[in-house]
Amino acid sequence: MAEIFKALSNPNRLKIFLQLTTCCRPGTVGLYDKDADVDTMFVGDLGRELDVGKTTVSHHIKELRRVGIIRTERRGQNIACWVDRVVIEELKQFFTR
């Protein structure tokens, strides 16, 4: 858990995480992949919301993926990102103990 909290202590990584947890609500950019049963956003969409460079966004995505908070998958020229639901459940359990 400490590694997850350390990764989320960066304001931009926290913003990315929060964007992904609210992905696909009305008015947001994203898609729902019913075959994978996950909500996703593309890296480019996340970067526009943060107003930071592509390399910076990629760095933050890599760090969030390293600690297991998010998953990514290449889809053509885009990289889709989504929150790992197992980790969300683990976080819920952590805070409800």
Protein backbone atom coordinates (compact mmCIF):
# COMPACT_ATOMS: atom_id res chain seq x y z
CA MET A 1 0.00 0.00 0.00
CA ALA A 2 2.88 2.36 0.75
CA GLU A 3 4.04 2.22 -2.89
CA ILE A 4 0.53 3.02 -4.10
CA PHE A 5 0.22 6.00 -1.76
CA LYS A 6 3.69 7.19 -2.73
CA ALA A 7 2.73 7.09 -6.43
CA LEU A 8 -0.51 8.94 -5.74
CA SER A 9 1.30 11.63 -3.71
CA ASN A 10 2.31 13.30 -7.00
CA PRO A 11 -0.47 15.76 -7.97
CA ASN A 12 -0.41 14.82 -11.66
CA ARG A 13 -0.54 11.09 -10.96
CA LEU A 14 -3.41 11.66 -8.55
CA LYS A 15 -5.25 13.64 -11.26
CA ILE A 16 -4.70 10.82 -13.76
CA PHE A 17 -5.97 8.27 -11.26
CA LEU A 18 -9.06 10.36 -10.48
CA GLN A 19 -9.74 10.86 -14.19
CA LEU A 20 -9.62 7.14 -14.75
CA THR A 21 -11.86 6.37 -11.78
CA THR A 22 -14.53 8.65 -13.23
CA CYS A 23 -13.99 7.68 -16.87
CA CYS A 24 -16.99 7.44 -19.15
CA ARG A 25 -19.41 9.40 -17.03
CA PRO A 26 -21.59 11.70 -19.15
CA GLY A 27 -19.45 14.52 -20.54
CA THR A 28 -16.10 12.76 -20.27
CA VAL A 29 -13.91 11.37 -23.02
CA GLY A 30 -13.45 7.63 -22.99
CA LEU A 31 -14.95 4.38 -24.06
CA TYR A 32 -16.44 1.33 -22.47
CA ASP A 33 -15.13 -2.00 -23.66
CA LYS A 34 -17.91 -4.46 -22.83
CA ASP A 35 -15.75 -7.43 -23.85
CA ALA A 36 -13.10 -6.50 -21.28
CA ASP A 37 -15.67 -5.04 -18.85
CA VAL A 38 -13.43 -2.03 -18.15
CA ASP A 39 -13.66 1.71 -18.66
CA THR A 40 -10.71 3.15 -20.54
CA MET A 41 -9.20 6.45 -21.59
CA PHE A 42 -6.40 6.97 -24.03
CA VAL A 43 -3.09 8.50 -22.92
CA GLY A 44 -3.58 11.48 -25.25
CA ASP A 45 -6.91 12.30 -23.58
CA LEU A 46 -5.30 12.22 -20.16
CA GLY A 47 -2.52 14.55 -21.31
CA ARG A 48 -4.93 17.18 -22.62
CA GLU A 49 -6.72 17.28 -19.28
CA LEU A 50 -3.45 17.82 -17.39
CA ASP A 51 -1.91 20.36 -19.76
CA VAL A 52 1.50 18.65 -19.60
CA GLY A 53 3.72 17.17 -22.29
CA LYS A 54 3.32 13.68 -23.70
CA THR A 55 6.58 12.45 -22.20
CA THR A 56 5.52 13.67 -18.76
CA VAL A 57 2.17 11.91 -19.06
CA SER A 58 3.93 8.73 -20.22
CA HIS A 59 6.23 8.90 -17.19
CA HIS A 60 3.27 9.21 -14.81
CA ILE A 61 1.37 6.40 -16.55
CA LYS A 62 4.46 4.18 -16.30
CA GLU A 63 4.74 4.84 -12.56
CA LEU A 64 1.04 4.17 -11.91
CA ARG A 65 1.32 0.96 -13.93
CA ARG A 66 4.47 -0.05 -12.03
CA VAL A 67 2.67 0.03 -8.68
CA GLY A 68 -0.32 -1.81 -10.14
CA ILE A 69 -2.96 0.90 -9.91
CA ILE A 70 -3.68 1.03 -13.63
CA ARG A 71 -3.43 -1.25 -16.63
CA THR A 72 -2.63 -0.28 -20.21
CA GLU A 73 -3.06 -1.83 -23.63
CA ARG A 74 -2.02 -0.68 -27.08
CA ARG A 75 -4.97 -0.23 -29.44
CA GLY A 76 -3.62 0.73 -32.82
CA GLN A 77 -1.74 4.01 -32.42
CA ASN A 78 -3.33 4.69 -29.04
CA ILE A 79 -2.67 3.34 -25.58
CA ALA A 80 -5.77 2.67 -23.51
CA CYS A 81 -5.58 3.02 -19.72
CA TRP A 82 -7.93 1.84 -17.01
CA VAL A 83 -7.97 1.45 -13.25
CA ASP A 84 -7.37 -2.07 -11.97
CA ARG A 85 -10.61 -2.94 -10.18
CA VAL A 86 -8.83 -5.41 -7.90
CA VAL A 87 -6.64 -2.60 -6.56
CA ILE A 88 -9.71 -0.40 -6.02
CA GLU A 89 -11.25 -3.17 -3.94
CA GLU A 90 -8.01 -3.56 -1.96
CA LEU A 91 -7.99 0.20 -1.28
CA LYS A 92 -11.62 0.07 -0.13
CA GLN A 93 -10.81 -2.77 2.23
CA PHE A 94 -7.75 -0.93 3.52
CA PHE A 95 -9.81 2.14 4.44
CA THR A 96 -12.71 0.21 5.95
CA ARG A 97 -10.63 -1.88 8.36
